[in-house]
Amino acid sequence: MVVNILNIAEFKVVKFEETEHDYNIRVEMVSPPSYCHHCGCVANLLGHGSKEQVFRDIPSHDRRVTIYLKRKRYRCKDCTKTFLEPLPMLDEKRLMTRRLREYIEKESLVRTFKSLSEELGLDEKTIRNVFHEHAKWLNTHILFPTPKWLGIDEAHLLHNYRCVIANVKESTIYDILEDRKKTKVIEYLKQMPYRKDVEVACMDMWPTYRDAAILALPNARIIIDKFHVVKGASEALEEIRKKIRQSLTDKQRKTLMHDRFTLLKRRVNLSGFEQLRLESWTANYPELGAAYELKEEFYDIFDTGVDRKDALERYQAWKKQMPSSMQPYFKSLMTSMKNWETEIFNYFDTPVGTRPSNAYTEALNGLIKIVNRNGRGYSFEVLRAKLLYTEGFKEISEPMYVKDLSFCGWDEDDEDSPDPDTNLNAGYKDSRVYRRGPRVSTVCKLMEGEG
């Protein structure tokens, strides 16, 4: 008797063949249909020929699995209509088992279509079609709750700027829009469910996002993302560093090797060696030292500012003590601070410890690099689905084993029964925790592994 390696109850394996890369399995149905699938009459059927069909199944032992079925056709004596044996475990449209289709749906979100095609021995077009059908279903059935703290940012993906909507508190992606045009952003925000419940809209200094938030999010306090504010100080320091390097000889430049990475680091993050190297540079190039101190002091305002009043006073003091020689380099930053003063200092109206974090923005920048490297050949729709509906959109805890002695036919009061805590065959409790969209860090890891 041939073992039922497929573990599909409706099939009886009649022949099994193993090759280097494949399992070829011939099967037949265990039981004939009990009623007509047209008129519903019971057990009044006649055999009416058969049809050879080939289906693909999930891989087993690193081999592709192909199922060969001589599918019988029946004719109903009552209505005279014919029908083929029903195959509820198969996806007849794709000529594969349902579990293979589900495997493709899951894996295609985090792997390339090509890698799946090679593993399963299926045409890449088939993988894409299954993916598109699944993505369409997800778009209509998966709805992320509207964030209380909404982030609006952009990412340069597939040669175009895309608007990214995020959940700032959770550091998760809420949605990605095809472009960042004002009309598109306003239209999207206006159709967002419970938009009036959005308390904070965190964004960069781009008027389009501010205007859209004012029109569509009436109760949201607009806050400029700290990341986009403080990076202005780093950019000013970088400009000074480049100017100084241009005036140096090749020999002098060698003494400033790796200076960019050291200078852009916060002082608290410098190693002992980097601290000594920085002191040497600033002693030899006082202008570089002054710029570094200004950068650090500006960052400190946003790291340790108690409230709006304290932050404003410290900013004014920072600006007042700035040497005139430094002002041209920091002019762009100071202009932004003036034009966006209300939205920037709204950041300090939130209590310390609960202020909007820029963690998702930094992670998003890393994601952009990965996507642009691995996403060649993807359409925007494919990329959006991969980013939104990866396994990151739900966090599944490890199943917790629970006592279930009846599973093994044991009496719970029997002294000879094994300890259920060590019984790995006991039933388990599925513990799932759903969160608001995929964490950016999760998507980064998954797509990094895809490359």
Protein backbone atom coordinates (compact mmCIF):
# COMPACT_ATOMS: atom_id res chain seq x y z
CA MET A 1 0.00 0.00 0.00
CA VAL A 2 1.35 3.41 -1.01
CA VAL A 3 1.59 5.94 1.84
CA ASN A 4 -0.58 9.05 1.41
CA ILE A 5 2.34 11.48 1.40
CA LEU A 6 0.02 14.33 0.40
CA ASN A 7 -1.98 14.14 3.62
CA ILE A 8 -5.15 15.07 1.71
CA ALA A 9 -8.02 12.95 3.02
CA GLU A 10 -10.03 13.01 -0.22
CA PHE A 11 -7.16 11.50 -2.23
CA LYS A 12 -5.87 7.94 -2.34
CA VAL A 13 -2.29 7.68 -3.60
CA VAL A 14 -2.00 4.91 -6.19
CA LYS A 15 1.49 5.60 -7.50
CA PHE A 16 4.52 7.50 -6.22
CA GLU A 17 7.71 8.41 -8.08
CA GLU A 18 10.71 10.30 -6.70
CA THR A 19 13.34 12.07 -8.82
CA GLU A 20 16.21 14.40 -7.90
CA HIS A 21 13.99 17.48 -7.93
CA ASP A 22 10.39 16.21 -7.94
CA TYR A 23 7.75 14.02 -6.35
CA ASN A 24 5.27 12.77 -8.95
CA ILE A 25 2.12 11.41 -7.34
CA ARG A 26 -0.84 9.73 -9.06
CA VAL A 27 -4.05 9.85 -7.06
CA GLU A 28 -7.73 9.03 -7.29
CA MET A 29 -10.70 10.15 -5.26
CA VAL A 30 -11.48 8.07 -2.18
CA SER A 31 -15.27 8.35 -2.63
CA PRO A 32 -17.51 9.19 -5.59
CA PRO A 33 -19.89 12.16 -5.33
CA SER A 34 -23.12 11.36 -3.47
CA TYR A 35 -25.42 13.79 -5.29
CA CYS A 36 -25.82 15.67 -8.56
CA HIS A 37 -24.20 19.08 -8.46
CA HIS A 38 -26.83 20.46 -10.83
CA CYS A 39 -30.20 19.25 -9.54
CA GLY A 40 -29.17 17.91 -6.13
CA CYS A 41 -30.69 14.44 -6.52
CA VAL A 42 -29.01 11.82 -4.35
CA ALA A 43 -27.03 8.80 -5.64
CA ASN A 44 -28.61 8.63 -9.08
CA LEU A 45 -25.39 9.00 -11.07
CA LEU A 46 -23.70 7.13 -13.91
CA GLY A 47 -20.04 7.18 -14.93
CA HIS A 48 -19.51 9.26 -18.05
CA GLY A 49 -15.82 9.07 -18.91
CA SER A 50 -12.85 10.77 -17.32
CA LYS A 51 -10.33 13.56 -17.82
CA GLU A 52 -6.59 13.57 -17.07
CA GLN A 53 -5.56 16.61 -15.01
CA VAL A 54 -2.27 17.74 -13.47
CA PHE A 55 -2.06 19.94 -10.37
CA ARG A 56 0.88 21.42 -8.46
CA ASP A 57 1.23 21.21 -4.67
CA ILE A 58 3.45 22.77 -2.01
CA PRO A 59 7.08 21.55 -2.00
CA SER A 60 7.99 18.61 0.20
CA HIS A 61 11.52 17.68 1.33
CA ASP A 62 12.93 20.36 -1.03
CA ARG A 63 11.23 18.73 -4.00
CA ARG A 64 8.48 20.07 -6.20
CA VAL A 65 5.24 18.11 -5.95
CA THR A 66 3.00 17.30 -8.93
CA ILE A 67 -0.35 15.55 -8.58
CA TYR A 68 -1.76 13.48 -11.46
CA LEU A 69 -5.48 12.80 -11.30
CA LYS A 70 -7.73 10.84 -13.63
CA ARG A 71 -10.81 12.87 -12.85
CA LYS A 72 -14.08 11.07 -13.42
CA ARG A 73 -17.10 12.60 -15.11
CA TYR A 74 -20.65 11.69 -14.04
CA ARG A 75 -24.10 12.01 -15.62
CA CYS A 76 -27.24 12.47 -13.60
CA LYS A 77 -30.11 10.13 -14.54
CA ASP A 78 -32.68 12.67 -13.41
CA CYS A 79 -31.52 15.90 -15.10
CA THR A 80 -29.20 14.22 -17.67
CA LYS A 81 -26.50 16.85 -17.04
CA THR A 82 -22.85 15.93 -16.60
CA PHE A 83 -20.23 17.18 -14.16
CA LEU A 84 -16.69 16.37 -13.07
CA GLU A 85 -15.78 15.15 -9.62
CA PRO A 86 -15.74 18.15 -7.27
CA LEU A 87 -12.29 19.04 -5.93
CA PRO A 88 -12.76 21.47 -3.02
CA MET A 89 -9.11 21.14 -1.98
CA LEU A 90 -7.88 22.38 -5.37
CA ASP A 91 -7.80 25.74 -7.12
CA GLU A 92 -8.94 24.67 -10.56
CA LYS A 93 -8.35 28.09 -12.07
CA ARG A 94 -4.62 27.90 -11.30
CA LEU A 95 -4.33 24.07 -11.49
CA MET A 96 -2.83 23.92 -8.00
CA THR A 97 -3.88 22.95 -4.51
CA ARG A 98 -5.43 25.64 -2.36
CA ARG A 99 -2.62 25.28 0.14
CA LEU A 100 -0.08 25.97 -2.60
CA ARG A 101 -1.98 29.09 -3.58
CA GLU A 102 -2.00 30.19 0.08
CA TYR A 103 1.75 29.50 0.27
CA ILE A 104 2.34 31.71 -2.80
CA GLU A 105 0.11 34.44 -1.37
CA LYS A 106 2.14 34.55 1.83
CA GLU A 107 5.63 34.13 0.39
CA SER A 108 5.17 36.51 -2.55
CA LEU A 109 4.75 39.38 -0.11
CA VAL A 110 8.29 38.97 1.20
CA ARG A 111 10.13 37.22 -1.62
CA THR A 112 10.79 37.97 -5.27
CA PHE A 113 8.50 36.40 -7.84
CA LYS A 114 11.54 34.92 -9.54
CA SER A 115 12.73 33.05 -6.44
CA LEU A 116 9.26 31.56 -5.93
CA SER A 117 9.05 30.60 -9.58
CA GLU A 118 12.35 28.73 -9.33
CA GLU A 119 11.39 26.98 -6.09
CA LEU A 120 7.96 25.84 -7.25
CA GLY A 121 8.65 25.22 -10.93
CA LEU A 122 5.82 27.56 -11.91
CA ASP A 123 5.83 30.31 -14.50
CA GLU A 124 6.67 33.69 -12.98
CA LYS A 125 3.49 35.08 -14.55
CA THR A 126 1.46 32.59 -12.51
CA ILE A 127 3.14 33.82 -9.31
CA ARG A 128 2.38 37.42 -10.26
CA ASN A 129 -1.27 36.64 -11.02
CA VAL A 130 -1.78 34.91 -7.66
CA PHE A 131 -0.07 37.86 -5.95
CA HIS A 132 -2.28 40.44 -7.70
CA GLU A 133 -5.47 38.57 -6.83
CA HIS A 134 -4.37 38.32 -3.20
CA ALA A 135 -3.36 41.99 -3.06
CA LYS A 136 -6.77 42.97 -4.42
CA TRP A 137 -8.45 40.92 -1.69
CA LEU A 138 -6.23 42.46 0.99
CA ASN A 139 -7.04 45.98 -0.22
CA THR A 140 -10.74 45.37 0.42
CA HIS A 141 -10.51 43.27 3.58
CA ILE A 142 -7.62 44.68 5.60
CA LEU A 143 -8.24 48.06 7.19
CA PHE A 144 -5.73 49.63 9.54
CA PRO A 145 -7.28 51.79 12.29
CA THR A 146 -6.78 55.51 11.69
CA PRO A 147 -3.78 56.68 13.77
CA LYS A 148 -4.29 59.26 16.48
CA TRP A 149 -0.81 60.57 15.59
CA LEU A 150 -0.52 60.65 11.83
CA GLY A 151 2.79 61.04 10.01
CA ILE A 152 2.96 62.48 6.48
CA ASP A 153 6.26 62.06 4.70
CA GLU A 154 7.59 61.22 1.25
CA ALA A 155 9.84 58.55 -0.15
CA HIS A 156 11.58 58.52 -3.52
CA LEU A 157 10.53 55.08 -4.73
CA LEU A 158 10.73 53.71 -8.28
CA HIS A 159 11.94 57.05 -9.69
CA ASN A 160 9.08 59.11 -8.23
CA TYR A 161 8.21 60.79 -4.96
CA ARG A 162 5.44 58.94 -3.11
CA CYS A 163 3.52 60.26 -0.13
CA VAL A 164 3.85 57.93 2.88
CA ILE A 165 1.18 57.98 5.58
CA ALA A 166 2.42 56.55 8.88
CA ASN A 167 1.36 55.82 12.43
CA VAL A 168 3.92 57.84 14.37
CA LYS A 169 3.30 56.27 17.76
CA GLU A 170 3.63 52.72 16.46
CA SER A 171 6.35 53.47 13.86
CA THR A 172 4.23 51.66 11.27
CA ILE A 173 3.24 52.34 7.67
CA TYR A 174 -0.44 53.20 7.25
CA ASP A 175 -0.51 53.68 3.48
CA ILE A 176 1.50 54.82 0.46
CA LEU A 177 0.07 57.13 -2.20
CA GLU A 178 1.12 57.00 -5.83
CA ASP A 179 2.31 60.61 -5.74
CA ARG A 180 2.51 63.55 -3.35
CA LYS A 181 0.39 66.08 -5.26
CA LYS A 182 -1.71 68.37 -3.09
CA THR A 183 -5.03 67.29 -4.60
CA LYS A 184 -4.18 63.61 -4.13
CA VAL A 185 -3.13 64.07 -0.49
CA ILE A 186 -6.21 66.15 0.37
CA GLU A 187 -8.54 63.67 -1.35
CA TYR A 188 -6.98 60.76 0.53
CA LEU A 189 -7.08 62.42 3.95
CA LYS A 190 -10.70 63.51 3.47
CA GLN A 191 -11.87 59.96 2.80
CA MET A 192 -9.94 58.58 5.79
CA PRO A 193 -12.34 57.09 8.39
CA TYR A 194 -12.50 58.92 11.73
CA ARG A 195 -10.22 61.67 10.42
CA LYS A 196 -11.63 64.05 13.01
CA ASP A 197 -10.09 61.86 15.70
CA VAL A 198 -6.55 62.53 14.47
CA GLU A 199 -4.85 64.55 17.22
CA VAL A 200 -1.40 65.15 15.72
CA ALA A 201 -0.21 65.49 12.12
CA CYS A 202 3.58 65.12 12.03
CA MET A 203 5.32 66.13 8.78
CA ASP A 204 8.28 67.80 7.13
CA MET A 205 8.42 71.45 6.09
CA TRP A 206 6.50 71.19 2.84
CA PRO A 207 3.50 73.54 2.45
CA THR A 208 1.44 70.93 0.58
CA TYR A 209 1.27 68.64 3.60
CA ARG A 210 0.46 71.49 5.97
CA ASP A 211 -2.33 72.78 3.72
CA ALA A 212 -3.76 69.28 3.30
CA ALA A 213 -3.77 68.68 7.06
CA ILE A 214 -5.48 72.02 7.74
CA LEU A 215 -8.24 71.20 5.24
CA ALA A 216 -8.79 67.53 6.01
CA LEU A 217 -7.76 67.05 9.66
CA PRO A 218 -9.65 69.77 11.55
CA ASN A 219 -8.66 68.66 15.07
CA ALA A 220 -5.03 67.80 14.40
CA ARG A 221 -2.16 69.83 15.82
CA ILE A 222 0.48 70.18 13.11
CA ILE A 223 4.00 69.35 14.27
CA ILE A 224 7.13 69.44 12.15
CA ASP A 225 9.03 66.19 12.54
CA LYS A 226 12.09 66.81 14.73
CA PHE A 227 14.25 64.86 12.29
CA HIS A 228 13.58 67.37 9.51
CA VAL A 229 14.35 70.32 11.78
CA VAL A 230 17.61 69.25 13.42
CA LYS A 231 19.11 67.89 10.21
CA GLY A 232 19.37 71.55 9.11
CA ALA A 233 22.12 72.02 11.71
CA SER A 234 23.95 68.96 10.39
CA GLU A 235 23.68 70.28 6.84
CA ALA A 236 25.20 73.63 7.91
CA LEU A 237 28.09 71.79 9.58
CA GLU A 238 28.58 69.70 6.45
CA GLU A 239 28.79 72.83 4.31
CA ILE A 240 31.50 74.27 6.55
CA ARG A 241 33.41 70.97 6.56
CA LYS A 242 33.47 70.88 2.74
CA LYS A 243 34.63 74.49 2.56
CA ILE A 244 37.52 73.82 4.95
CA ARG A 245 38.59 70.66 3.11
CA GLN A 246 38.74 72.54 -0.20
CA SER A 247 41.36 74.88 1.22
CA LEU A 248 43.62 72.09 2.49
CA THR A 249 46.52 70.27 0.88
CA ASP A 250 46.29 66.54 0.19
CA LYS A 251 48.46 65.85 3.22
CA GLN A 252 46.24 67.96 5.47
CA ARG A 253 43.12 66.27 4.12
CA LYS A 254 44.47 62.89 5.22
CA THR A 255 44.43 64.12 8.82
CA LEU A 256 40.68 64.65 8.42
CA MET A 257 40.01 61.12 7.16
CA HIS A 258 36.48 59.92 8.08
CA ASP A 259 35.74 63.38 9.45
CA ARG A 260 32.22 63.52 8.02
CA PHE A 261 30.92 60.53 9.97
CA THR A 262 32.54 61.68 13.20
CA LEU A 263 31.30 65.26 12.92
CA LEU A 264 27.71 64.22 12.18
CA LYS A 265 27.62 62.01 15.28
CA ARG A 266 26.23 63.35 18.53
CA ARG A 267 28.89 63.92 21.15
CA VAL A 268 27.31 61.38 23.52
CA ASN A 269 27.67 58.71 20.83
CA LEU A 270 31.37 59.25 20.15
CA SER A 271 33.84 56.56 21.14
CA GLY A 272 36.93 57.51 23.15
CA PHE A 273 39.09 57.48 20.01
CA GLU A 274 36.57 59.59 18.07
CA GLN A 275 36.44 62.09 20.93
CA LEU A 276 40.24 62.51 20.83
CA ARG A 277 40.20 62.84 17.05
CA LEU A 278 37.46 65.48 17.23
CA GLU A 279 39.42 67.50 19.80
CA SER A 280 42.45 67.40 17.50
CA TRP A 281 40.46 68.63 14.51
CA THR A 282 38.70 71.43 16.37
CA ALA A 283 42.02 72.62 17.85
CA ASN A 284 43.55 72.84 14.36
CA TYR A 285 40.43 74.21 12.68
CA PRO A 286 38.56 76.49 15.14
CA GLU A 287 35.82 77.26 12.59
CA LEU A 288 35.00 73.54 12.40
CA GLY A 289 34.92 73.36 16.20
CA ALA A 290 32.54 76.34 16.44
CA ALA A 291 30.19 74.80 13.88
CA TYR A 292 30.22 71.47 15.72
CA GLU A 293 29.30 73.17 18.99
CA LEU A 294 26.45 75.05 17.32
CA LYS A 295 25.16 71.80 15.87
CA GLU A 296 25.28 70.06 19.26
CA GLU A 297 23.60 72.95 21.07
CA PHE A 298 20.79 73.06 18.52
CA TYR A 299 20.17 69.32 18.88
CA ASP A 300 20.14 69.75 22.67
CA ILE A 301 17.21 72.16 22.43
CA PHE A 302 15.05 69.40 20.94
CA ASP A 303 16.43 66.69 23.17
CA THR A 304 16.09 68.47 26.52
CA GLY A 305 13.66 71.37 25.98
CA VAL A 306 11.10 71.35 28.82
CA ASP A 307 8.26 73.23 27.09
CA ARG A 308 7.56 75.74 24.32
CA LYS A 309 8.70 78.75 26.39
CA ASP A 310 11.95 77.06 27.44
CA ALA A 311 12.69 75.90 23.89
CA LEU A 312 12.00 79.35 22.38
CA GLU A 313 14.25 81.06 24.92
CA ARG A 314 17.06 78.58 24.30
CA TYR A 315 16.70 78.96 20.54
CA GLN A 316 16.88 82.77 20.78
CA ALA A 317 19.98 82.49 22.98
CA TRP A 318 21.54 80.01 20.53
CA LYS A 319 20.93 82.39 17.65
CA LYS A 320 22.17 85.44 19.56
CA GLN A 321 25.54 83.89 20.53
CA MET A 322 26.23 82.61 17.01
CA PRO A 323 29.42 84.18 15.56
CA SER A 324 28.76 86.34 12.49
CA SER A 325 31.11 84.12 10.48
CA MET A 326 28.78 81.17 11.09
CA GLN A 327 25.49 82.90 10.19
CA PRO A 328 25.69 82.42 6.38
CA TYR A 329 25.94 78.65 6.85
CA PHE A 330 23.03 78.46 9.30
CA LYS A 331 20.89 80.99 7.40
CA SER A 332 18.72 78.33 5.74
CA LEU A 333 17.99 76.70 9.10
CA MET A 334 17.13 80.02 10.77
CA THR A 335 14.83 80.96 7.86
CA SER A 336 12.95 77.67 8.26
CA MET A 337 12.68 78.26 12.00
CA LYS A 338 11.12 81.65 11.32
CA ASN A 339 8.70 80.51 8.60
CA TRP A 340 7.57 77.40 10.49
CA GLU A 341 7.93 78.64 14.06
CA THR A 342 4.41 77.69 15.21
CA GLU A 343 4.51 74.17 13.79
CA ILE A 344 8.09 73.53 14.92
CA PHE A 345 7.54 74.63 18.51
CA ASN A 346 4.23 72.76 18.72
CA TYR A 347 6.55 69.82 19.33
CA PHE A 348 7.26 71.15 22.83
CA ASP A 349 3.57 71.40 23.78
CA THR A 350 3.58 67.63 24.20
CA PRO A 351 4.92 66.40 27.57
CA VAL A 352 8.49 65.10 27.63
CA GLY A 353 8.56 61.37 27.08
CA THR A 354 5.45 61.34 24.88
CA ARG A 355 6.63 63.64 22.10
CA PRO A 356 6.44 62.41 18.49
CA SER A 357 9.50 60.31 17.74
CA ASN A 358 11.49 60.59 14.55
CA ALA A 359 12.33 56.89 14.72
CA TYR A 360 9.97 55.93 11.91
CA THR A 361 11.43 58.64 9.65
CA GLU A 362 14.97 57.36 10.09
CA ALA A 363 13.81 53.79 9.54
CA LEU A 364 11.87 54.91 6.46
CA ASN A 365 15.03 56.34 4.94
CA GLY A 366 16.68 52.94 5.34
CA LEU A 367 13.66 51.26 3.78
CA ILE A 368 13.85 53.55 0.75
CA LYS A 369 17.37 52.36 0.00
CA ILE A 370 16.38 48.70 0.26
CA VAL A 371 13.26 49.08 -1.86
CA ASN A 372 15.01 50.99 -4.61
CA ARG A 373 17.66 48.28 -4.73
CA ASN A 374 15.35 45.26 -4.58
CA GLY A 375 12.25 46.70 -6.23
CA ARG A 376 13.50 46.87 -9.81
CA GLY A 377 10.79 45.64 -12.14
CA TYR A 378 7.97 46.12 -9.63
CA SER A 379 4.98 48.29 -10.43
CA PHE A 380 3.82 50.77 -7.80
CA GLU A 381 0.83 48.53 -6.97
CA VAL A 382 3.11 45.54 -6.35
CA LEU A 383 5.50 47.57 -4.22
CA ARG A 384 2.64 49.05 -2.16
CA ALA A 385 1.16 45.63 -1.45
CA LYS A 386 4.55 44.20 -0.47
CA LEU A 387 5.17 47.08 1.93
CA LEU A 388 1.69 47.19 3.49
CA TYR A 389 0.65 43.57 3.69
CA THR A 390 3.84 41.79 4.63
CA GLU A 391 3.61 39.57 7.72
CA GLY A 392 4.56 42.70 9.65
CA PHE A 393 0.92 43.83 9.62
CA LYS A 394 0.15 41.26 12.29
CA GLU A 395 2.33 40.16 15.12
CA ILE A 396 1.79 36.49 15.93
CA SER A 397 3.06 35.33 19.28
CA GLU A 398 4.50 31.85 19.70
CA PRO A 399 1.63 29.41 20.38
CA MET A 400 1.26 28.68 24.09
CA TYR A 401 0.89 25.00 24.92
CA VAL A 402 -2.03 24.16 27.21
CA LYS A 403 -3.05 21.02 29.02
CA ASP A 404 -5.03 18.77 26.69
CA LEU A 405 -4.53 15.19 27.88
CA SER A 406 -7.62 14.03 25.99
CA PHE A 407 -5.67 14.69 22.77
CA CYS A 408 -3.58 11.60 23.52
CA GLY A 409 -6.38 9.59 25.14
CA TRP A 410 -5.00 10.04 28.65
CA ASP A 411 -6.99 10.50 31.81
CA GLU A 412 -5.98 13.66 33.62
CA ASP A 413 -6.24 11.86 36.98
CA ASP A 414 -4.15 8.87 35.88
CA GLU A 415 -0.89 8.79 37.85
CA ASP A 416 0.91 7.23 34.87
CA SER A 417 -0.07 10.08 32.55
CA PRO A 418 2.90 12.18 31.35
CA ASP A 419 3.39 15.66 32.67
CA PRO A 420 1.34 17.85 30.30
CA ASP A 421 3.91 20.62 30.62
CA THR A 422 6.40 18.40 28.77
CA ASN A 423 3.91 16.93 26.32
CA LEU A 424 4.83 18.59 23.05
CA ASN A 425 1.88 16.98 21.27
CA ALA A 426 -0.66 18.66 23.48
CA GLY A 427 -3.07 21.10 21.87
CA TYR A 428 -2.13 24.76 21.80
CA LYS A 429 -3.77 28.11 22.19
CA ASP A 430 -3.33 30.46 19.24
CA SER A 431 -2.38 33.89 20.61
CA ARG A 432 -2.47 36.67 18.03
CA VAL A 433 -1.94 40.38 18.50
CA TYR A 434 -2.85 42.61 15.59
CA ARG A 435 -1.13 45.98 15.28
CA ARG A 436 -1.62 49.08 13.15
CA GLY A 437 0.15 48.36 9.88
CA PRO A 438 3.58 46.87 9.28
CA ARG A 439 6.47 48.15 11.37
CA VAL A 440 9.02 49.85 9.14
CA SER A 441 11.81 47.88 10.84
CA THR A 442 10.01 44.59 10.07
CA VAL A 443 9.61 45.48 6.41
CA CYS A 444 13.28 46.48 6.23
CA LYS A 445 14.42 43.11 7.55
CA LEU A 446 12.14 41.13 5.26
CA MET A 447 13.01 43.08 2.11
CA GLU A 448 16.71 43.07 2.98
CA GLY A 449 16.54 39.29 3.02
CA GLU A 450 14.81 39.35 -0.36
CA GLY A 451 17.78 40.88 -2.16
